[in-house]
Amino acid sequence: AIHESDLVLGGLEALLEIERDAATLDTLISLIELSNDDAVRVVN
């Protein structure tokens, strides 16, 4: 999980901010499909 505003947060800290943002109606949430190879590269 990655969250960016004035700081870049990762992991649990990012998830807490993401949950707050996702609950508001002015947020857009996109589901984006990647190949497994691309997803593994991102994790690495």
Full PDB file with SEQRES, HELIX, SHEET, SSBOND, CRYST1, ORIGX, SCALE, CONECT and MASTER records, all heavy atoms in Angstrom:
SEQRES   1 A   44  ALA ILE HIS GLU SER ASP LEU VAL LEU GLY GLY LEU GLU          
SEQRES   2 A   44  ALA LEU LEU GLU ILE GLU ARG ASP ALA ALA THR LEU ASP          
SEQRES   3 A   44  THR LEU ILE SER LEU ILE GLU LEU SER ASN ASP ASP ALA          
SEQRES   4 A   44  VAL ARG VAL VAL ASN                                          
HELIX    1 AA1 GLY A   11  ALA A   22  1                                  12    
HELIX    2 AA2 ASN A   36  VAL A   43  1                                   8    
SHEET    1 AA1 2 ILE A   2  GLU A   4  0                                        
SHEET    2 AA1 2 VAL A   8  GLY A  10 -1                                        
CRYST1    1.000    1.000    1.000  90.00  90.00  90.00 P 1           1          
ORIGX1      1.000000  0.000000  0.000000        0.00000                         
ORIGX2      0.000000  1.000000  0.000000        0.00000                         
ORIGX3      0.000000  0.000000  1.000000        0.00000                         
SCALE1      1.000000  0.000000  0.000000        0.00000                         
SCALE2      0.000000  1.000000  0.000000        0.00000                         
SCALE3      0.000000  0.000000  1.000000        0.00000                         
ATOM      1  N   ALA A   1       0.853  -1.182   0.000  1.00  0.00           N  
ATOM      2  CA  ALA A   1       0.000   0.000   0.000  1.00  0.00           C  
ATOM      3  C   ALA A   1       0.890   1.234   0.000  1.00  0.00           C  
ATOM      4  O   ALA A   1       1.879   1.293   0.742  1.00  0.00           O  
ATOM      5  CB  ALA A   1      -0.904   0.003   1.231  1.00  0.00           C  
ATOM      6  N   ILE A   2       0.531   2.195  -0.839  1.00  0.00           N  
ATOM      7  CA  ILE A   2       1.285   3.447  -0.952  1.00  0.00           C  
ATOM      8  C   ILE A   2       0.274   4.594  -0.901  1.00  0.00           C  
ATOM      9  O   ILE A   2      -0.742   4.564  -1.601  1.00  0.00           O  
ATOM     10  CB  ILE A   2       2.053   3.522  -2.284  1.00  0.00           C  
ATOM     11  CG1 ILE A   2       2.986   2.327  -2.447  1.00  0.00           C  
ATOM     12  CG2 ILE A   2       2.815   4.844  -2.393  1.00  0.00           C  
ATOM     13  CD1 ILE A   2       3.544   2.175  -3.848  1.00  0.00           C  
ATOM     14  N   HIS A   3       0.555   5.583  -0.083  1.00  0.00           N  
ATOM     15  CA  HIS A   3      -0.297   6.776  -0.013  1.00  0.00           C  
ATOM     16  C   HIS A   3       0.597   8.002  -0.159  1.00  0.00           C  
ATOM     17  O   HIS A   3       1.626   8.113   0.502  1.00  0.00           O  
ATOM     18  CB  HIS A   3      -1.035   6.844   1.326  1.00  0.00           C  
ATOM     19  CG  HIS A   3      -1.887   8.062   1.448  1.00  0.00           C  
ATOM     20  ND1 HIS A   3      -1.404   9.265   1.916  1.00  0.00           N  
ATOM     21  CD2 HIS A   3      -3.175   8.280   1.137  1.00  0.00           C  
ATOM     22  CE1 HIS A   3      -2.363  10.157   1.901  1.00  0.00           C  
ATOM     23  NE2 HIS A   3      -3.453   9.587   1.434  1.00  0.00           N  
ATOM     24  N   GLU A   4       0.181   8.928  -1.047  1.00  0.00           N  
ATOM     25  CA  GLU A   4       0.955  10.148  -1.270  1.00  0.00           C  
ATOM     26  C   GLU A   4       0.085  11.375  -1.130  1.00  0.00           C  
ATOM     27  O   GLU A   4      -1.009  11.439  -1.675  1.00  0.00           O  
ATOM     28  CB  GLU A   4       1.542  10.149  -2.679  1.00  0.00           C  
ATOM     29  CG  GLU A   4       2.528   9.045  -2.922  1.00  0.00           C  
ATOM     30  CD  GLU A   4       3.060   9.111  -4.324  1.00  0.00           C  
ATOM     31  OE1 GLU A   4       3.891   9.993  -4.585  1.00  0.00           O  
ATOM     32  OE2 GLU A   4       2.615   8.294  -5.144  1.00  0.00           O  
ATOM     33  N   SER A   5       0.567  12.325  -0.381  1.00  0.00           N  
ATOM     34  CA  SER A   5       0.021  13.689  -0.359  1.00  0.00           C  
ATOM     35  C   SER A   5       1.235  14.572  -0.137  1.00  0.00           C  
ATOM     36  O   SER A   5       2.084  14.647  -1.015  1.00  0.00           O  
ATOM     37  CB  SER A   5      -1.073  13.863   0.683  1.00  0.00           C  
ATOM     38  OG  SER A   5      -0.598  13.550   1.974  1.00  0.00           O  
ATOM     39  N   ASP A   6       1.374  15.179   1.023  1.00  0.00           N  
ATOM     40  CA  ASP A   6       2.596  15.939   1.276  1.00  0.00           C  
ATOM     41  C   ASP A   6       3.743  15.013   1.673  1.00  0.00           C  
ATOM     42  O   ASP A   6       4.898  15.383   1.582  1.00  0.00           O  
ATOM     43  CB  ASP A   6       2.375  17.035   2.323  1.00  0.00           C  
ATOM     44  CG  ASP A   6       1.575  16.561   3.521  1.00  0.00           C  
ATOM     45  OD1 ASP A   6       0.941  15.509   3.432  1.00  0.00           O  
ATOM     46  OD2 ASP A   6       1.583  17.259   4.539  1.00  0.00           O  
ATOM     47  N   LEU A   7       3.427  13.784   2.105  1.00  0.00           N  
ATOM     48  CA  LEU A   7       4.417  12.750   2.423  1.00  0.00           C  
ATOM     49  C   LEU A   7       4.061  11.476   1.681  1.00  0.00           C  
ATOM     50  O   LEU A   7       2.908  11.266   1.316  1.00  0.00           O  
ATOM     51  CB  LEU A   7       4.409  12.435   3.930  1.00  0.00           C  
ATOM     52  CG  LEU A   7       4.791  13.532   4.901  1.00  0.00           C  
ATOM     53  CD1 LEU A   7       4.518  13.052   6.323  1.00  0.00           C  
ATOM     54  CD2 LEU A   7       6.256  13.892   4.739  1.00  0.00           C  
ATOM     55  N   VAL A   8       5.043  10.595   1.507  1.00  0.00           N  
ATOM     56  CA  VAL A   8       4.777   9.269   0.959  1.00  0.00           C  
ATOM     57  C   VAL A   8       4.783   8.289   2.125  1.00  0.00           C  
ATOM     58  O   VAL A   8       5.762   8.203   2.867  1.00  0.00           O  
ATOM     59  CB  VAL A   8       5.847   8.866  -0.091  1.00  0.00           C  
ATOM     60  CG1 VAL A   8       5.587   7.458  -0.588  1.00  0.00           C  
ATOM     61  CG2 VAL A   8       5.866   9.848  -1.240  1.00  0.00           C  
ATOM     62  N   LEU A   9       3.670   7.579   2.284  1.00  0.00           N  
ATOM     63  CA  LEU A   9       3.542   6.596   3.348  1.00  0.00           C  
ATOM     64  C   LEU A   9       3.379   5.219   2.737  1.00  0.00           C  
ATOM     65  O   LEU A   9       2.849   5.070   1.634  1.00  0.00           O  
ATOM     66  CB  LEU A   9       2.318   6.900   4.222  1.00  0.00           C  
ATOM     67  CG  LEU A   9       2.263   8.265   4.902  1.00  0.00           C  
ATOM     68  CD1 LEU A   9       0.916   8.448   5.586  1.00  0.00           C  
ATOM     69  CD2 LEU A   9       3.394   8.401   5.906  1.00  0.00           C  
ATOM     70  N   GLY A  10       3.793   4.211   3.463  1.00  0.00           N  
ATOM     71  CA  GLY A  10       3.624   2.838   3.004  1.00  0.00           C  
ATOM     72  C   GLY A  10       3.090   1.952   4.103  1.00  0.00           C  
ATOM     73  O   GLY A  10       3.061   2.333   5.274  1.00  0.00           O  
ATOM     74  N   GLY A  11       2.654   0.753   3.720  1.00  0.00           N  
ATOM     75  CA  GLY A  11       2.205  -0.235   4.678  1.00  0.00           C  
ATOM     76  C   GLY A  11       0.960   0.173   5.441  1.00  0.00           C  
ATOM     77  O   GLY A  11       0.022   0.746   4.890  1.00  0.00           O  
ATOM     78  N   LEU A  12       0.948  -0.127   6.745  1.00  0.00           N  
ATOM     79  CA  LEU A  12      -0.215   0.130   7.593  1.00  0.00           C  
ATOM     80  C   LEU A  12      -0.570   1.611   7.676  1.00  0.00           C  
ATOM     81  O   LEU A  12      -1.754   1.977   7.620  1.00  0.00           O  
ATOM     82  CB  LEU A  12       0.024  -0.430   8.998  1.00  0.00           C  
ATOM     83  CG  LEU A  12      -1.139  -0.314   9.970  1.00  0.00           C  
ATOM     84  CD1 LEU A  12      -2.382  -0.991   9.418  1.00  0.00           C  
ATOM     85  CD2 LEU A  12      -0.765  -0.889  11.316  1.00  0.00           C  
ATOM     86  N   GLU A  13       0.441   2.480   7.770  1.00  0.00           N  
ATOM     87  CA  GLU A  13       0.172   3.925   7.807  1.00  0.00           C  
ATOM     88  C   GLU A  13      -0.566   4.363   6.542  1.00  0.00           C  
ATOM     89  O   GLU A  13      -1.487   5.167   6.594  1.00  0.00           O  
ATOM     90  CB  GLU A  13       1.465   4.718   7.949  1.00  0.00           C  
ATOM     91  CG  GLU A  13       2.133   4.594   9.294  1.00  0.00           C  
ATOM     92  CD  GLU A  13       3.454   5.355   9.323  1.00  0.00           C  
ATOM     93  OE1 GLU A  13       4.218   5.289   8.323  1.00  0.00           O  
ATOM     94  OE2 GLU A  13       3.697   6.017  10.331  1.00  0.00           O  
ATOM     95  N   ALA A  14      -0.146   3.825   5.405  1.00  0.00           N  
ATOM     96  CA  ALA A  14      -0.801   4.159   4.139  1.00  0.00           C  
ATOM     97  C   ALA A  14      -2.242   3.664   4.135  1.00  0.00           C  
ATOM     98  O   ALA A  14      -3.151   4.377   3.706  1.00  0.00           O  
ATOM     99  CB  ALA A  14      -0.030   3.558   2.975  1.00  0.00           C  
ATOM    100  N   LEU A  15      -2.469   2.440   4.619  1.00  0.00           N  
ATOM    101  CA  LEU A  15      -3.820   1.885   4.623  1.00  0.00           C  
ATOM    102  C   LEU A  15      -4.795   2.723   5.439  1.00  0.00           C  
ATOM    103  O   LEU A  15      -5.949   2.902   5.057  1.00  0.00           O  
ATOM    104  CB  LEU A  15      -3.806   0.448   5.147  1.00  0.00           C  
ATOM    105  CG  LEU A  15      -3.326  -0.606   4.169  1.00  0.00           C  
ATOM    106  CD1 LEU A  15      -3.225  -1.959   4.855  1.00  0.00           C  
ATOM    107  CD2 LEU A  15      -4.219  -0.687   2.955  1.00  0.00           C  
ATOM    108  N   LEU A  16      -4.333   3.255   6.552  1.00  0.00           N  
ATOM    109  CA  LEU A  16      -5.201   4.100   7.378  1.00  0.00           C  
ATOM    110  C   LEU A  16      -5.634   5.351   6.622  1.00  0.00           C  
ATOM    111  O   LEU A  16      -6.802   5.737   6.654  1.00  0.00           O  
ATOM    112  CB  LEU A  16      -4.492   4.467   8.680  1.00  0.00           C  
ATOM    113  CG  LEU A  16      -4.220   3.295   9.628  1.00  0.00           C  
ATOM    114  CD1 LEU A  16      -3.343   3.743  10.793  1.00  0.00           C  
ATOM    115  CD2 LEU A  16      -5.509   2.676  10.114  1.00  0.00           C  
ATOM    116  N   GLU A  17      -4.693   5.985   5.920  1.00  0.00           N  
ATOM    117  CA  GLU A  17      -5.024   7.172   5.119  1.00  0.00           C  
ATOM    118  C   GLU A  17      -5.917   6.813   3.927  1.00  0.00           C  
ATOM    119  O   GLU A  17      -6.840   7.545   3.578  1.00  0.00           O  
ATOM    120  CB  GLU A  17      -3.747   7.857   4.630  1.00  0.00           C  
ATOM    121  CG  GLU A  17      -2.911   8.463   5.729  1.00  0.00           C  
ATOM    122  CD  GLU A  17      -3.614   9.598   6.455  1.00  0.00           C  
ATOM    123  OE1 GLU A  17      -4.320  10.400   5.794  1.00  0.00           O  
ATOM    124  OE2 GLU A  17      -3.468   9.676   7.685  1.00  0.00           O  
ATOM    125  N   ILE A  18      -5.630   5.668   3.318  1.00  0.00           N  
ATOM    126  CA  ILE A  18      -6.416   5.219   2.165  1.00  0.00           C  
ATOM    127  C   ILE A  18      -7.872   4.989   2.567  1.00  0.00           C  
ATOM    128  O   ILE A  18      -8.796   5.395   1.859  1.00  0.00           O  
ATOM    129  CB  ILE A  18      -5.801   3.936   1.557  1.00  0.00           C  
ATOM    130  CG1 ILE A  18      -4.455   4.258   0.901  1.00  0.00           C  
ATOM    131  CG2 ILE A  18      -6.755   3.295   0.561  1.00  0.00           C  
ATOM    132  CD1 ILE A  18      -3.625   3.041   0.550  1.00  0.00           C  
ATOM    133  N   GLU A  19      -8.082   4.348   3.705  1.00  0.00           N  
ATOM    134  CA  GLU A  19      -9.451   4.102   4.168  1.00  0.00           C  
ATOM    135  C   GLU A  19     -10.208   5.408   4.386  1.00  0.00           C  
ATOM    136  O   GLU A  19     -11.378   5.522   4.037  1.00  0.00           O  
ATOM    137  CB  GLU A  19      -9.442   3.278   5.452  1.00  0.00           C  
ATOM    138  CG  GLU A  19      -9.127   1.827   5.211  1.00  0.00           C  
ATOM    139  CD  GLU A  19      -9.124   1.002   6.494  1.00  0.00           C  
ATOM    140  OE1 GLU A  19      -9.121   1.590   7.606  1.00  0.00           O  
ATOM    141  OE2 GLU A  19      -9.120  -0.224   6.372  1.00  0.00           O  
ATOM    142  N   ARG A  20      -9.531   6.400   4.960  1.00  0.00           N  
ATOM    143  CA  ARG A  20     -10.174   7.708   5.165  1.00  0.00           C  
ATOM    144  C   ARG A  20     -10.568   8.343   3.833  1.00  0.00           C  
ATOM    145  O   ARG A  20     -11.663   8.859   3.673  1.00  0.00           O  
ATOM    146  CB  ARG A  20      -9.243   8.649   5.929  1.00  0.00           C  
ATOM    147  CG  ARG A  20      -9.264   8.427   7.397  1.00  0.00           C  
ATOM    148  CD  ARG A  20      -8.508   9.531   8.130  1.00  0.00           C  
ATOM    149  NE  ARG A  20      -7.914   8.928   9.294  1.00  0.00           N  
ATOM    150  CZ  ARG A  20      -6.616   8.744   9.500  1.00  0.00           C  
ATOM    151  NH1 ARG A  20      -5.742   9.185   8.624  1.00  0.00           N  
ATOM    152  NH2 ARG A  20      -6.178   8.165  10.587  1.00  0.00           N  
ATOM    153  N   ASP A  21      -9.627   8.326   2.890  1.00  0.00           N  
ATOM    154  CA  ASP A  21      -9.901   8.932   1.581  1.00  0.00           C  
ATOM    155  C   ASP A  21     -11.019   8.195   0.845  1.00  0.00           C  
ATOM    156  O   ASP A  21     -11.899   8.823   0.249  1.00  0.00           O  
ATOM    157  CB  ASP A  21      -8.648   8.933   0.713  1.00  0.00           C  
ATOM    158  CG  ASP A  21      -7.623   9.960   1.141  1.00  0.00           C  
ATOM    159  OD1 ASP A  21      -7.984  10.883   1.902  1.00  0.00           O  
ATOM    160  OD2 ASP A  21      -6.462   9.836   0.723  1.00  0.00           O  
ATOM    161  N   ALA A  22     -10.969   6.869   0.857  1.00  0.00           N  
ATOM    162  CA  ALA A  22     -11.926   6.071   0.089  1.00  0.00           C  
ATOM    163  C   ALA A  22     -13.357   6.233   0.589  1.00  0.00           C  
ATOM    164  O   ALA A  22     -14.307   6.004  -0.159  1.00  0.00           O  
ATOM    165  CB  ALA A  22     -11.527   4.601   0.122  1.00  0.00           C  
ATOM    166  N   ALA A  23     -13.530   6.642   1.818  1.00  0.00           N  
ATOM    167  CA  ALA A  23     -14.865   6.790   2.386  1.00  0.00           C  
ATOM    168  C   ALA A  23     -15.576   8.060   1.924  1.00  0.00           C  
ATOM    169  O   ALA A  23     -16.783   8.180   2.095  1.00  0.00           O  
ATOM    170  CB  ALA A  23     -14.787   6.770   3.906  1.00  0.00           C  
ATOM    171  N   THR A  24     -14.853   8.989   1.324  1.00  0.00           N  
ATOM    172  CA  THR A  24     -15.475  10.249   0.916  1.00  0.00           C  
ATOM    173  C   THR A  24     -16.006  10.153  -0.517  1.00  0.00           C  
ATOM    174  O   THR A  24     -15.439   9.458  -1.364  1.00  0.00           O  
ATOM    175  CB  THR A  24     -14.488  11.430   1.017  1.00  0.00           C  
ATOM    176  OG1 THR A  24     -13.429  11.220   0.098  1.00  0.00           O  
ATOM    177  CG2 THR A  24     -13.932  11.564   2.427  1.00  0.00           C  
ATOM    178  N   LEU A  25     -17.091  10.856  -0.773  1.00  0.00           N  
ATOM    179  CA  LEU A  25     -17.747  10.785  -2.074  1.00  0.00           C  
ATOM    180  C   LEU A  25     -16.981  11.479  -3.190  1.00  0.00           C  
ATOM    181  O   LEU A  25     -17.220  11.211  -4.364  1.00  0.00           O  
ATOM    182  CB  LEU A  25     -19.156  11.364  -1.981  1.00  0.00           C  
ATOM    183  CG  LEU A  25     -20.114  10.585  -1.080  1.00  0.00           C  
ATOM    184  CD1 LEU A  25     -21.455  11.305  -1.000  1.00  0.00           C  
ATOM    185  CD2 LEU A  25     -20.282   9.157  -1.561  1.00  0.00           C  
ATOM    186  N   ASP A  26     -16.038  12.363  -2.855  1.00  0.00           N  
ATOM    187  CA  ASP A  26     -15.274  13.061  -3.897  1.00  0.00           C  
ATOM    188  C   ASP A  26     -14.041  12.273  -4.345  1.00  0.00           C  
ATOM    189  O   ASP A  26     -13.232  12.773  -5.111  1.00  0.00           O  
ATOM    190  CB  ASP A  26     -14.886  14.468  -3.455  1.00  0.00           C  
ATOM    191  CG  ASP A  26     -13.930  14.502  -2.271  1.00  0.00           C  
ATOM    192  OD1 ASP A  26     -13.849  13.506  -1.536  1.00  0.00           O  
ATOM    193  OD2 ASP A  26     -13.277  15.544  -2.080  1.00  0.00           O  
ATOM    194  N   THR A  27     -13.918  11.042  -3.894  1.00  0.00           N  
ATOM    195  CA  THR A  27     -12.790  10.177  -4.258  1.00  0.00           C  
ATOM    196  C   THR A  27     -13.161   9.308  -5.454  1.00  0.00           C  
ATOM    197  O   THR A  27     -14.295   8.851  -5.564  1.00  0.00           O  
ATOM    198  CB  THR A  27     -12.415   9.273  -3.064  1.00  0.00           C  
ATOM    199  OG1 THR A  27     -12.006  10.100  -1.977  1.00  0.00           O  
ATOM    200  CG2 THR A  27     -11.298   8.315  -3.402  1.00  0.00           C  
ATOM    201  N   LEU A  28     -12.193   9.081  -6.343  1.00  0.00           N  
ATOM    202  CA  LEU A  28     -12.361   8.120  -7.434  1.00  0.00           C  
ATOM    203  C   LEU A  28     -11.490   6.905  -7.143  1.00  0.00           C  
ATOM    204  O   LEU A  28     -10.306   7.041  -6.835  1.00  0.00           O  
ATOM    205  CB  LEU A  28     -11.968   8.727  -8.774  1.00  0.00           C  
ATOM    206  CG  LEU A  28     -12.880   9.823  -9.301  1.00  0.00           C  
ATOM    207  CD1 LEU A  28     -12.333  10.360 -10.622  1.00  0.00           C  
ATOM    208  CD2 LEU A  28     -14.294   9.307  -9.492  1.00  0.00           C  
ATOM    209  N   ILE A  29     -12.081   5.718  -7.256  1.00  0.00           N  
ATOM    210  CA  ILE A  29     -11.360   4.470  -7.025  1.00  0.00           C  
ATOM    211  C   ILE A  29     -11.374   3.680  -8.323  1.00  0.00           C  
ATOM    212  O   ILE A  29     -12.442   3.374  -8.856  1.00  0.00           O  
ATOM    213  CB  ILE A  29     -12.001   3.643  -5.896  1.00  0.00           C  
ATOM    214  CG1 ILE A  29     -12.103   4.477  -4.623  1.00  0.00           C  
ATOM    215  CG2 ILE A  29     -11.198   2.363  -5.650  1.00  0.00           C  
ATOM    216  CD1 ILE A  29     -12.906   3.826  -3.518  1.00  0.00           C  
ATOM    217  N   SER A  30     -10.192   3.371  -8.827  1.00  0.00           N  
ATOM    218  CA  SER A  30     -10.063   2.640 -10.090  1.00  0.00           C  
ATOM    219  C   SER A  30      -9.501   1.253  -9.824  1.00  0.00           C  
ATOM    220  O   SER A  30      -8.555   1.099  -9.055  1.00  0.00           O  
ATOM    221  CB  SER A  30      -9.109   3.373 -11.040  1.00  0.00           C  
ATOM    222  OG  SER A  30      -9.528   4.695 -11.251  1.00  0.00           O  
ATOM    223  N   LEU A  31     -10.085   0.255 -10.471  1.00  0.00           N  
ATOM    224  CA  LEU A  31      -9.574  -1.109 -10.428  1.00  0.00           C  
ATOM    225  C   LEU A  31      -8.762  -1.310 -11.697  1.00  0.00           C  
ATOM    226  O   LEU A  31      -9.302  -1.195 -12.801  1.00  0.00           O  
ATOM    227  CB  LEU A  31     -10.740  -2.091 -10.361  1.00  0.00           C  
ATOM    228  CG  LEU A  31     -10.416  -3.559 -10.133  1.00  0.00           C  
ATOM    229  CD1 LEU A  31     -11.649  -4.268  -9.589  1.00  0.00           C  
ATOM    230  CD2 LEU A  31      -9.899  -4.256 -11.345  1.00  0.00           C  
ATOM    231  N   ILE A  32      -7.469  -1.571 -11.550  1.00  0.00           N  
ATOM    232  CA  ILE A  32      -6.561  -1.659 -12.689  1.00  0.00           C  
ATOM    233  C   ILE A  32      -5.892  -3.034 -12.700  1.00  0.00           C  
ATOM    234  O   ILE A  32      -5.257  -3.424 -11.726  1.00  0.00           O  
ATOM    235  CB  ILE A  32      -5.500  -0.540 -12.628  1.00  0.00           C  
ATOM    236  CG1 ILE A  32      -6.230   0.806 -12.651  1.00  0.00           C  
ATOM    237  CG2 ILE A  32      -4.499  -0.679 -13.770  1.00  0.00           C  
ATOM    238  CD1 ILE A  32      -5.419   1.968 -12.220  1.00  0.00           C  
ATOM    239  N   GLU A  33      -6.073  -3.741 -13.786  1.00  0.00           N  
ATOM    240  CA  GLU A  33      -5.516  -5.081 -13.920  1.00  0.00           C  
ATOM    241  C   GLU A  33      -4.095  -5.012 -14.478  1.00  0.00           C  
ATOM    242  O   GLU A  33      -3.814  -4.260 -15.412  1.00  0.00           O  
ATOM    243  CB  GLU A  33      -6.389  -5.928 -14.840  1.00  0.00           C  
ATOM    244  CG  GLU A  33      -5.937  -7.367 -14.939  1.00  0.00           C  
ATOM    245  CD  GLU A  33      -6.886  -8.221 -15.772  1.00  0.00           C  
ATOM    246  OE1 GLU A  33      -7.693  -7.665 -16.543  1.00  0.00           O  
ATOM    247  OE2 GLU A  33      -6.801  -9.450 -15.644  1.00  0.00           O  
ATOM    248  N   LEU A  34      -3.202  -5.800 -13.870  1.00  0.00           N  
ATOM    249  CA  LEU A  34      -1.821  -5.944 -14.336  1.00  0.00           C  
ATOM    250  C   LEU A  34      -1.535  -7.410 -14.581  1.00  0.00           C  
ATOM    251  O   LEU A  34      -2.165  -8.281 -13.972  1.00  0.00           O  
ATOM    252  CB  LEU A  34      -0.829  -5.454 -13.273  1.00  0.00           C  
ATOM    253  CG  LEU A  34      -0.771  -3.993 -12.913  1.00  0.00           C  
ATOM    254  CD1 LEU A  34       0.247  -3.780 -11.796  1.00  0.00           C  
ATOM    255  CD2 LEU A  34      -0.407  -3.147 -14.117  1.00  0.00           C  
ATOM    256  N   SER A  35      -0.547  -7.677 -15.409  1.00  0.00           N  
ATOM    257  CA  SER A  35      -0.079  -9.053 -15.533  1.00  0.00           C  
ATOM    258  C   SER A  35       0.611  -9.427 -14.221  1.00  0.00           C  
ATOM    259  O   SER A  35       1.059  -8.559 -13.469  1.00  0.00           O  
ATOM    260  CB  SER A  35       0.904  -9.187 -16.695  1.00  0.00           C  
ATOM    261  OG  SER A  35       2.113  -8.511 -16.390  1.00  0.00           O  
ATOM    262  N   ASN A  36       0.683 -10.713 -13.935  1.00  0.00           N  
ATOM    263  CA  ASN A  36       1.381 -11.152 -12.714  1.00  0.00           C  
ATOM    264  C   ASN A  36       2.831 -10.696 -12.725  1.00  0.00           C  
ATOM    265  O   ASN A  36       3.370 -10.321 -11.678  1.00  0.00           O  
ATOM    266  CB  ASN A  36       1.290 -12.662 -12.546  1.00  0.00           C  
ATOM    267  CG  ASN A  36      -0.054 -13.098 -12.006  1.00  0.00           C  
ATOM    268  OD1 ASN A  36      -0.869 -12.277 -11.593  1.00  0.00           O  
ATOM    269  ND2 ASN A  36      -0.299 -14.394 -12.015  1.00  0.00           N  
ATOM    270  N   ASP A  37       3.471 -10.717 -13.884  1.00  0.00           N  
ATOM    271  CA  ASP A  37       4.876 -10.285 -13.969  1.00  0.00           C  
ATOM    272  C   ASP A  37       5.032  -8.825 -13.575  1.00  0.00           C  
ATOM    273  O   ASP A  37       5.939  -8.462 -12.826  1.00  0.00           O  
ATOM    274  CB  ASP A  37       5.429 -10.498 -15.388  1.00  0.00           C  
ATOM    275  CG  ASP A  37       5.615 -11.963 -15.734  1.00  0.00           C  
ATOM    276  OD1 ASP A  37       5.671 -12.794 -14.806  1.00  0.00           O  
ATOM    277  OD2 ASP A  37       5.701 -12.270 -16.934  1.00  0.00           O  
ATOM    278  N   ASP A  38       4.134  -7.959 -14.073  1.00  0.00           N  
ATOM    279  CA  ASP A  38       4.192  -6.542 -13.710  1.00  0.00           C  
ATOM    280  C   ASP A  38       3.929  -6.344 -12.222  1.00  0.00           C  
ATOM    281  O   ASP A  38       4.586  -5.534 -11.569  1.00  0.00           O  
ATOM    282  CB  ASP A  38       3.187  -5.721 -14.523  1.00  0.00           C  
ATOM    283  CG  ASP A  38       3.654  -5.449 -15.939  1.00  0.00           C  
ATOM    284  OD1 ASP A  38       4.869  -5.586 -16.213  1.00  0.00           O  
ATOM    285  OD2 ASP A  38       2.801  -5.094 -16.781  1.00  0.00           O  
ATOM    286  N   ALA A  39       2.968  -7.076 -11.674  1.00  0.00           N  
ATOM    287  CA  ALA A  39       2.653  -6.954 -10.251  1.00  0.00           C  
ATOM    288  C   ALA A  39       3.840  -7.386  -9.387  1.00  0.00           C  
ATOM    289  O   ALA A  39       4.172  -6.718  -8.402  1.00  0.00           O  
ATOM    290  CB  ALA A  39       1.414  -7.770  -9.910  1.00  0.00           C  
ATOM    291  N   VAL A  40       4.507  -8.451  -9.758  1.00  0.00           N  
ATOM    292  CA  VAL A  40       5.692  -8.911  -9.011  1.00  0.00           C  
ATOM    293  C   VAL A  40       6.801  -7.866  -9.093  1.00  0.00           C  
ATOM    294  O   VAL A  40       7.472  -7.587  -8.093  1.00  0.00           O  
ATOM    295  CB  VAL A  40       6.170 -10.284  -9.534  1.00  0.00           C  
ATOM    296  CG1 VAL A  40       7.537 -10.640  -8.997  1.00  0.00           C  
ATOM    297  CG2 VAL A  40       5.154 -11.369  -9.177  1.00  0.00           C  
ATOM    298  N   ARG A  41       6.986  -7.262 -10.267  1.00  0.00           N  
ATOM    299  CA  ARG A  41       8.003  -6.214 -10.409  1.00  0.00           C  
ATOM    300  C   ARG A  41       7.727  -5.045  -9.472  1.00  0.00           C  
ATOM    301  O   ARG A  41       8.635  -4.502  -8.852  1.00  0.00           O  
ATOM    302  CB  ARG A  41       8.045  -5.704 -11.853  1.00  0.00           C  
ATOM    303  CG  ARG A  41       9.102  -6.389 -12.668  1.00  0.00           C  
ATOM    304  CD  ARG A  41       9.298  -5.730 -14.032  1.00  0.00           C  
ATOM    305  NE  ARG A  41       9.145  -6.799 -14.989  1.00  0.00           N  
ATOM    306  CZ  ARG A  41       8.143  -6.958 -15.836  1.00  0.00           C  
ATOM    307  NH1 ARG A  41       7.177  -6.083 -15.904  1.00  0.00           N  
ATOM    308  NH2 ARG A  41       8.087  -7.979 -16.630  1.00  0.00           N  
ATOM    309  N   VAL A  42       6.467  -4.650  -9.357  1.00  0.00           N  
ATOM    310  CA  VAL A  42       6.104  -3.539  -8.474  1.00  0.00           C  
ATOM    311  C   VAL A  42       6.410  -3.898  -7.027  1.00  0.00           C  
ATOM    312  O   VAL A  42       6.986  -3.095  -6.289  1.00  0.00           O  
ATOM    313  CB  VAL A  42       4.611  -3.160  -8.638  1.00  0.00           C  
ATOM    314  CG1 VAL A  42       4.185  -2.175  -7.567  1.00  0.00           C  
ATOM    315  CG2 VAL A  42       4.363  -2.587 -10.024  1.00  0.00           C  
ATOM    316  N   VAL A  43       6.048  -5.098  -6.606  1.00  0.00           N  
ATOM    317  CA  VAL A  43       6.334  -5.541  -5.232  1.00  0.00           C  
ATOM    318  C   VAL A  43       7.834  -5.497  -4.975  1.00  0.00           C  
ATOM    319  O   VAL A  43       8.282  -5.047  -3.911  1.00  0.00           O  
ATOM    320  CB  VAL A  43       5.770  -6.958  -4.977  1.00  0.00           C  
ATOM    321  CG1 VAL A  43       6.270  -7.520  -3.654  1.00  0.00           C  
ATOM    322  CG2 VAL A  43       4.249  -6.929  -5.004  1.00  0.00           C  
ATOM    323  N   ASN A  44       8.628  -5.928  -5.950  1.00  0.00           N  
ATOM    324  CA  ASN A  44      10.085  -5.919  -5.789  1.00  0.00           C  
ATOM    325  C   ASN A  44      10.671  -4.508  -5.801  1.00  0.00           C  
ATOM    326  O   ASN A  44      11.691  -4.253  -5.163  1.00  0.00           O  
ATOM    327  CB  ASN A  44      10.751  -6.770  -6.864  1.00  0.00           C  
ATOM    328  CG  ASN A  44      10.457  -8.259  -6.678  1.00  0.00           C  
ATOM    329  OD1 ASN A  44      10.211  -8.695  -5.546  1.00  0.00           O  
ATOM    330  ND2 ASN A  44      10.457  -8.990  -7.760  1.00  0.00           N  
TER     331      ASN A  44                                                      
MASTER        0    0    0    2    2    0    0    6  330    1    0    4          
END                                                                             
